[in-house]
Amino acid sequence: MSTIIDKPWGREIILSENNLPYTAKILEISAGKRLSLQYHDQKTETLVLFFGQAKLIRGPSQHELKETEMVNDEGYTLQKMEVHRIEAITDCRIFEASTPEVGTTYRLEDDTGRTNETLNHS
């Protein structure tokens, strides 16, 4: 059973249960929308674009970012504390596999004014 969570940029479909040692989800991002410029203090994730076009912006800090157009079916791993953002060029779908959804997501920039988010799923 999946859980669908609406987001300002589209929605995420969580495929895994909370009590597992990993999280699996699909990010559906609408054309022209972008996720927060953010980093996670405990979460490591791998992203795979499988539909549409998107850019991945990432770097060690907010001031040292590099932009890459994502390639379909290629994995992009983001380490904890790595600053990142996804921007949809067209409607797109991205598979995310990560460590559990715990810790804090620090939002450095957010188009809708959302603040940091702390999760403690176990």
N, C-alpha and C. Protein backbone atom coordinates (compact mmCIF):
# COMPACT_ATOMS: atom_id res chain seq x y z
N MET A 1 0.84 -1.17 0.00
CA MET A 1 0.00 0.00 0.00
C MET A 1 0.89 1.24 0.00
N SER A 2 0.61 2.17 -0.90
CA SER A 2 1.42 3.38 -0.97
C SER A 2 0.68 4.55 -0.30
N THR A 3 1.45 5.56 0.05
CA THR A 3 0.92 6.78 0.64
C THR A 3 1.24 7.93 -0.30
N ILE A 4 0.24 8.73 -0.64
CA ILE A 4 0.43 9.87 -1.53
C ILE A 4 0.39 11.15 -0.69
N ILE A 5 1.42 11.98 -0.86
CA ILE A 5 1.52 13.24 -0.14
C ILE A 5 1.61 14.36 -1.17
N ASP A 6 0.63 15.25 -1.17
CA ASP A 6 0.66 16.41 -2.07
C ASP A 6 1.73 17.38 -1.60
N LYS A 7 2.45 17.95 -2.56
CA LYS A 7 3.51 18.91 -2.30
C LYS A 7 3.29 20.14 -3.18
N PRO A 8 3.88 21.27 -2.86
CA PRO A 8 3.70 22.46 -3.71
C PRO A 8 4.22 22.25 -5.14
N TRP A 9 5.15 21.34 -5.31
CA TRP A 9 5.76 21.07 -6.61
C TRP A 9 5.15 19.89 -7.34
N GLY A 10 4.23 19.18 -6.70
CA GLY A 10 3.62 17.98 -7.29
C GLY A 10 3.16 17.05 -6.19
N ARG A 11 3.73 15.85 -6.15
CA ARG A 11 3.40 14.92 -5.08
C ARG A 11 4.48 13.87 -4.95
N GLU A 12 4.51 13.23 -3.78
CA GLU A 12 5.38 12.08 -3.60
C GLU A 12 4.53 10.88 -3.24
N ILE A 13 4.93 9.75 -3.79
CA ILE A 13 4.24 8.49 -3.54
C ILE A 13 5.22 7.62 -2.76
N ILE A 14 4.92 7.40 -1.48
CA ILE A 14 5.80 6.60 -0.63
C ILE A 14 5.40 5.14 -0.80
N LEU A 15 6.35 4.32 -1.21
CA LEU A 15 6.10 2.93 -1.54
C LEU A 15 6.41 1.97 -0.40
N SER A 16 7.23 2.40 0.55
CA SER A 16 7.69 1.52 1.62
C SER A 16 6.99 1.85 2.94
N GLU A 17 7.04 0.89 3.85
CA GLU A 17 6.48 1.09 5.18
C GLU A 17 7.48 1.85 6.06
N ASN A 18 6.99 2.52 7.10
CA ASN A 18 7.84 3.33 7.98
C ASN A 18 8.87 2.53 8.77
N ASN A 19 8.59 1.27 9.06
CA ASN A 19 9.45 0.51 9.97
C ASN A 19 10.61 -0.20 9.28
N LEU A 20 10.86 0.09 8.02
CA LEU A 20 11.93 -0.57 7.28
C LEU A 20 13.22 0.24 7.37
N PRO A 21 14.37 -0.38 7.11
CA PRO A 21 15.65 0.34 7.18
C PRO A 21 15.95 1.18 5.93
N TYR A 22 14.94 1.39 5.10
CA TYR A 22 15.07 2.20 3.89
C TYR A 22 13.72 2.83 3.58
N THR A 23 13.74 3.82 2.69
CA THR A 23 12.52 4.44 2.19
C THR A 23 12.58 4.41 0.67
N ALA A 24 11.46 4.06 0.04
CA ALA A 24 11.35 4.08 -1.42
C ALA A 24 10.17 4.96 -1.78
N LYS A 25 10.37 5.87 -2.72
CA LYS A 25 9.29 6.76 -3.13
C LYS A 25 9.45 7.21 -4.57
N ILE A 26 8.37 7.71 -5.12
CA ILE A 26 8.38 8.32 -6.44
C ILE A 26 8.02 9.79 -6.26
N LEU A 27 8.84 10.66 -6.83
CA LEU A 27 8.57 12.10 -6.83
C LEU A 27 7.98 12.44 -8.19
N GLU A 28 6.79 13.01 -8.19
CA GLU A 28 6.17 13.51 -9.41
C GLU A 28 6.22 15.03 -9.35
N ILE A 29 7.02 15.63 -10.23
CA ILE A 29 7.28 17.07 -10.18
C ILE A 29 6.71 17.70 -11.44
N SER A 30 5.91 18.74 -11.26
CA SER A 30 5.28 19.43 -12.38
C SER A 30 6.30 20.32 -13.10
N ALA A 31 6.13 20.44 -14.41
CA ALA A 31 7.02 21.27 -15.24
C ALA A 31 7.15 22.67 -14.65
N GLY A 32 8.40 23.14 -14.58
CA GLY A 32 8.67 24.48 -14.07
C GLY A 32 8.73 24.60 -12.56
N LYS A 33 8.40 23.55 -11.83
CA LYS A 33 8.44 23.58 -10.37
C LYS A 33 9.78 23.05 -9.89
N ARG A 34 10.09 23.35 -8.62
CA ARG A 34 11.34 22.87 -8.05
C ARG A 34 11.16 22.60 -6.56
N LEU A 35 11.96 21.67 -6.09
CA LEU A 35 11.98 21.36 -4.66
C LEU A 35 12.79 22.43 -3.94
N SER A 36 12.72 22.42 -2.64
CA SER A 36 13.52 23.34 -1.83
C SER A 36 15.01 23.14 -2.10
N LEU A 37 15.77 24.21 -1.95
CA LEU A 37 17.21 24.06 -1.85
C LEU A 37 17.43 23.61 -0.41
N GLN A 38 17.96 22.41 -0.22
CA GLN A 38 17.92 21.78 1.09
C GLN A 38 19.10 20.84 1.31
N TYR A 39 19.23 20.41 2.55
CA TYR A 39 20.13 19.31 2.88
C TYR A 39 19.52 18.55 4.05
N HIS A 40 19.98 17.31 4.23
CA HIS A 40 19.48 16.44 5.29
C HIS A 40 20.62 16.14 6.25
N ASP A 41 20.34 16.16 7.54
CA ASP A 41 21.40 15.88 8.51
C ASP A 41 21.61 14.39 8.74
N GLN A 42 20.65 13.53 8.35
CA GLN A 42 20.80 12.10 8.59
C GLN A 42 20.52 11.23 7.36
N LYS A 43 19.97 11.79 6.33
CA LYS A 43 19.47 11.01 5.20
C LYS A 43 20.44 11.03 4.03
N THR A 44 20.69 9.84 3.46
CA THR A 44 21.41 9.67 2.21
C THR A 44 20.40 9.13 1.20
N GLU A 45 20.43 9.63 -0.02
CA GLU A 45 19.44 9.20 -1.00
C GLU A 45 20.05 9.02 -2.37
N THR A 46 19.46 8.14 -3.16
CA THR A 46 19.81 7.96 -4.55
C THR A 46 18.57 8.25 -5.38
N LEU A 47 18.74 9.07 -6.41
CA LEU A 47 17.64 9.50 -7.27
C LEU A 47 17.85 8.94 -8.67
N VAL A 48 16.75 8.50 -9.30
CA VAL A 48 16.79 8.00 -10.67
C VAL A 48 15.62 8.61 -11.44
N LEU A 49 15.92 9.41 -12.46
CA LEU A 49 14.91 9.96 -13.33
C LEU A 49 14.44 8.87 -14.28
N PHE A 50 13.13 8.63 -14.34
CA PHE A 50 12.66 7.61 -15.27
C PHE A 50 11.57 8.11 -16.21
N PHE A 51 11.18 9.38 -16.08
CA PHE A 51 10.22 9.97 -17.00
C PHE A 51 10.41 11.48 -17.01
N GLY A 52 10.46 12.09 -18.20
CA GLY A 52 10.55 13.53 -18.30
C GLY A 52 11.98 14.04 -18.24
N GLN A 53 12.09 15.36 -17.99
CA GLN A 53 13.40 16.01 -17.91
C GLN A 53 13.49 16.82 -16.62
N ALA A 54 14.67 16.77 -16.00
CA ALA A 54 14.88 17.51 -14.75
C ALA A 54 16.35 17.87 -14.61
N LYS A 55 16.58 18.91 -13.79
CA LYS A 55 17.94 19.32 -13.45
C LYS A 55 18.17 19.01 -11.98
N LEU A 56 19.38 18.59 -11.66
CA LEU A 56 19.81 18.38 -10.29
C LEU A 56 20.85 19.44 -9.98
N ILE A 57 20.59 20.22 -8.95
CA ILE A 57 21.52 21.24 -8.49
C ILE A 57 22.08 20.73 -7.17
N ARG A 58 23.40 20.68 -7.07
CA ARG A 58 24.00 20.11 -5.86
C ARG A 58 25.37 20.69 -5.59
N GLY A 59 25.79 20.59 -4.32
CA GLY A 59 27.12 21.03 -3.96
C GLY A 59 27.35 20.93 -2.48
N PRO A 60 28.58 21.20 -2.05
CA PRO A 60 28.91 21.10 -0.63
C PRO A 60 28.31 22.22 0.21
N SER A 61 27.94 23.34 -0.47
CA SER A 61 27.33 24.46 0.26
C SER A 61 26.41 25.21 -0.68
N GLN A 62 25.66 26.13 -0.12
CA GLN A 62 24.72 26.94 -0.89
C GLN A 62 25.45 27.81 -1.92
N HIS A 63 26.73 28.07 -1.70
CA HIS A 63 27.50 28.96 -2.56
C HIS A 63 28.40 28.23 -3.55
N GLU A 64 28.37 26.90 -3.52
CA GLU A 64 29.21 26.09 -4.41
C GLU A 64 28.36 25.04 -5.12
N LEU A 65 27.36 25.48 -5.88
CA LEU A 65 26.42 24.56 -6.51
C LEU A 65 26.76 24.34 -7.98
N LYS A 66 26.54 23.10 -8.44
CA LYS A 66 26.70 22.76 -9.85
C LYS A 66 25.37 22.20 -10.34
N GLU A 67 25.02 22.55 -11.55
CA GLU A 67 23.76 22.13 -12.16
C GLU A 67 24.02 21.06 -13.20
N THR A 68 23.25 19.97 -13.16
CA THR A 68 23.39 18.87 -14.10
C THR A 68 22.01 18.51 -14.62
N GLU A 69 21.87 18.37 -15.93
CA GLU A 69 20.62 17.83 -16.45
C GLU A 69 20.66 16.32 -16.21
N MET A 70 19.65 15.82 -15.53
CA MET A 70 19.62 14.40 -15.19
C MET A 70 19.41 13.56 -16.45
N VAL A 71 20.02 12.39 -16.46
CA VAL A 71 19.92 11.44 -17.56
C VAL A 71 19.01 10.30 -17.10
N ASN A 72 18.07 9.92 -17.96
CA ASN A 72 17.17 8.83 -17.61
C ASN A 72 17.94 7.57 -17.22
N ASP A 73 17.45 6.91 -16.19
CA ASP A 73 17.96 5.62 -15.71
C ASP A 73 19.37 5.68 -15.14
N GLU A 74 19.87 6.87 -14.84
CA GLU A 74 21.18 7.01 -14.19
C GLU A 74 20.96 7.37 -12.72
N GLY A 75 21.73 6.77 -11.82
CA GLY A 75 21.60 7.04 -10.39
C GLY A 75 22.45 8.22 -9.96
N TYR A 76 21.86 9.07 -9.10
CA TYR A 76 22.55 10.22 -8.53
C TYR A 76 22.45 10.11 -7.02
N THR A 77 23.56 9.88 -6.34
CA THR A 77 23.54 9.70 -4.89
C THR A 77 23.91 11.00 -4.20
N LEU A 78 23.09 11.38 -3.23
CA LEU A 78 23.30 12.58 -2.42
C LEU A 78 23.62 12.14 -1.00
N GLN A 79 24.75 12.56 -0.50
CA GLN A 79 25.17 12.22 0.85
C GLN A 79 24.49 13.14 1.86
N LYS A 80 24.42 12.69 3.11
CA LYS A 80 23.88 13.58 4.13
C LYS A 80 24.74 14.84 4.17
N MET A 81 24.11 15.97 4.44
CA MET A 81 24.70 17.30 4.51
C MET A 81 24.98 17.92 3.13
N GLU A 82 24.75 17.19 2.03
CA GLU A 82 24.98 17.74 0.71
C GLU A 82 23.79 18.61 0.29
N VAL A 83 24.04 19.84 -0.07
CA VAL A 83 23.00 20.77 -0.49
C VAL A 83 22.51 20.35 -1.89
N HIS A 84 21.18 20.37 -2.07
CA HIS A 84 20.64 19.93 -3.35
C HIS A 84 19.24 20.48 -3.61
N ARG A 85 18.86 20.41 -4.88
CA ARG A 85 17.53 20.82 -5.32
C ARG A 85 17.28 20.13 -6.66
N ILE A 86 16.03 19.78 -6.92
CA ILE A 86 15.62 19.26 -8.23
C ILE A 86 14.69 20.28 -8.86
N GLU A 87 14.91 20.57 -10.16
CA GLU A 87 14.03 21.44 -10.92
C GLU A 87 13.49 20.65 -12.10
N ALA A 88 12.18 20.66 -12.28
CA ALA A 88 11.55 19.95 -13.40
C ALA A 88 11.57 20.83 -14.64
N ILE A 89 12.12 20.34 -15.72
CA ILE A 89 12.08 21.02 -17.01
C ILE A 89 10.73 20.73 -17.65
N THR A 90 10.34 19.46 -17.63
CA THR A 90 9.01 19.02 -18.06
C THR A 90 8.41 18.27 -16.88
N ASP A 91 7.15 17.89 -16.96
CA ASP A 91 6.62 16.99 -15.94
C ASP A 91 7.56 15.80 -15.86
N CYS A 92 7.90 15.39 -14.66
CA CYS A 92 8.85 14.28 -14.54
C CYS A 92 8.52 13.40 -13.35
N ARG A 93 9.10 12.21 -13.38
CA ARG A 93 9.00 11.26 -12.27
C ARG A 93 10.40 10.79 -11.93
N ILE A 94 10.68 10.80 -10.63
CA ILE A 94 11.99 10.40 -10.13
C ILE A 94 11.78 9.38 -9.03
N PHE A 95 12.50 8.26 -9.13
CA PHE A 95 12.48 7.26 -8.06
C PHE A 95 13.54 7.64 -7.05
N GLU A 96 13.18 7.59 -5.76
CA GLU A 96 14.12 7.89 -4.69
C GLU A 96 14.21 6.68 -3.76
N ALA A 97 15.43 6.21 -3.53
CA ALA A 97 15.71 5.19 -2.52
C ALA A 97 16.62 5.86 -1.50
N SER A 98 16.28 5.73 -0.22
CA SER A 98 17.07 6.44 0.79
C SER A 98 17.11 5.68 2.10
N THR A 99 17.96 6.18 2.97
CA THR A 99 17.94 5.72 4.35
C THR A 99 16.59 6.15 4.93
N PRO A 100 16.23 5.69 6.11
CA PRO A 100 14.90 6.03 6.66
C PRO A 100 14.67 7.54 6.74
N GLU A 101 13.40 7.90 6.72
CA GLU A 101 12.98 9.30 6.81
C GLU A 101 13.07 9.76 8.25
N VAL A 102 14.29 10.06 8.69
CA VAL A 102 14.53 10.57 10.05
C VAL A 102 15.42 11.80 9.96
N GLY A 103 15.50 12.53 11.04
CA GLY A 103 16.37 13.70 11.07
C GLY A 103 15.66 14.93 10.55
N THR A 104 16.45 15.94 10.24
CA THR A 104 15.90 17.22 9.81
C THR A 104 16.29 17.52 8.37
N THR A 105 15.31 18.00 7.62
CA THR A 105 15.54 18.58 6.30
C THR A 105 15.66 20.07 6.52
N TYR A 106 16.83 20.62 6.22
CA TYR A 106 17.07 22.05 6.37
C TYR A 106 16.81 22.73 5.03
N ARG A 107 15.82 23.59 4.99
CA ARG A 107 15.46 24.29 3.76
C ARG A 107 16.17 25.65 3.73
N LEU A 108 17.09 25.81 2.80
CA LEU A 108 17.84 27.05 2.65
C LEU A 108 17.06 28.05 1.82
N GLU A 109 16.29 27.56 0.84
CA GLU A 109 15.40 28.36 0.02
C GLU A 109 14.18 27.51 -0.28
N ASP A 110 13.00 28.13 -0.27
CA ASP A 110 11.79 27.40 -0.61
C ASP A 110 10.83 28.37 -1.29
N ASP A 111 10.35 28.00 -2.46
CA ASP A 111 9.49 28.88 -3.25
C ASP A 111 8.16 29.20 -2.57
N THR A 112 7.75 28.38 -1.62
CA THR A 112 6.46 28.60 -0.94
C THR A 112 6.63 28.96 0.53
N GLY A 113 7.88 29.20 0.97
CA GLY A 113 8.11 29.65 2.34
C GLY A 113 8.08 28.58 3.40
N ARG A 114 8.16 27.30 2.99
CA ARG A 114 8.18 26.24 3.99
C ARG A 114 9.47 26.30 4.80
N THR A 115 9.37 25.89 6.06
CA THR A 115 10.53 25.91 6.96
C THR A 115 11.10 24.51 7.10
N ASN A 116 12.11 24.37 7.95
CA ASN A 116 12.74 23.08 8.19
C ASN A 116 11.71 22.06 8.65
N GLU A 117 12.00 20.80 8.41
CA GLU A 117 11.08 19.72 8.75
C GLU A 117 11.86 18.62 9.45
N THR A 118 11.40 18.20 10.62
CA THR A 118 12.05 17.12 11.36
C THR A 118 11.11 15.92 11.42
N LEU A 119 11.65 14.75 11.05
CA LEU A 119 10.90 13.50 11.06
C LEU A 119 11.60 12.50 11.95
N ASN A 120 10.83 11.72 12.65
CA ASN A 120 11.40 10.69 13.52
C ASN A 120 10.70 9.36 13.32
N HIS A 121 10.52 8.95 12.06
CA HIS A 121 9.91 7.65 11.77
C HIS A 121 10.89 6.56 12.15
N SER A 122 10.38 5.51 12.72
CA SER A 122 11.27 4.37 13.04
C SER A 122 10.63 3.08 12.65
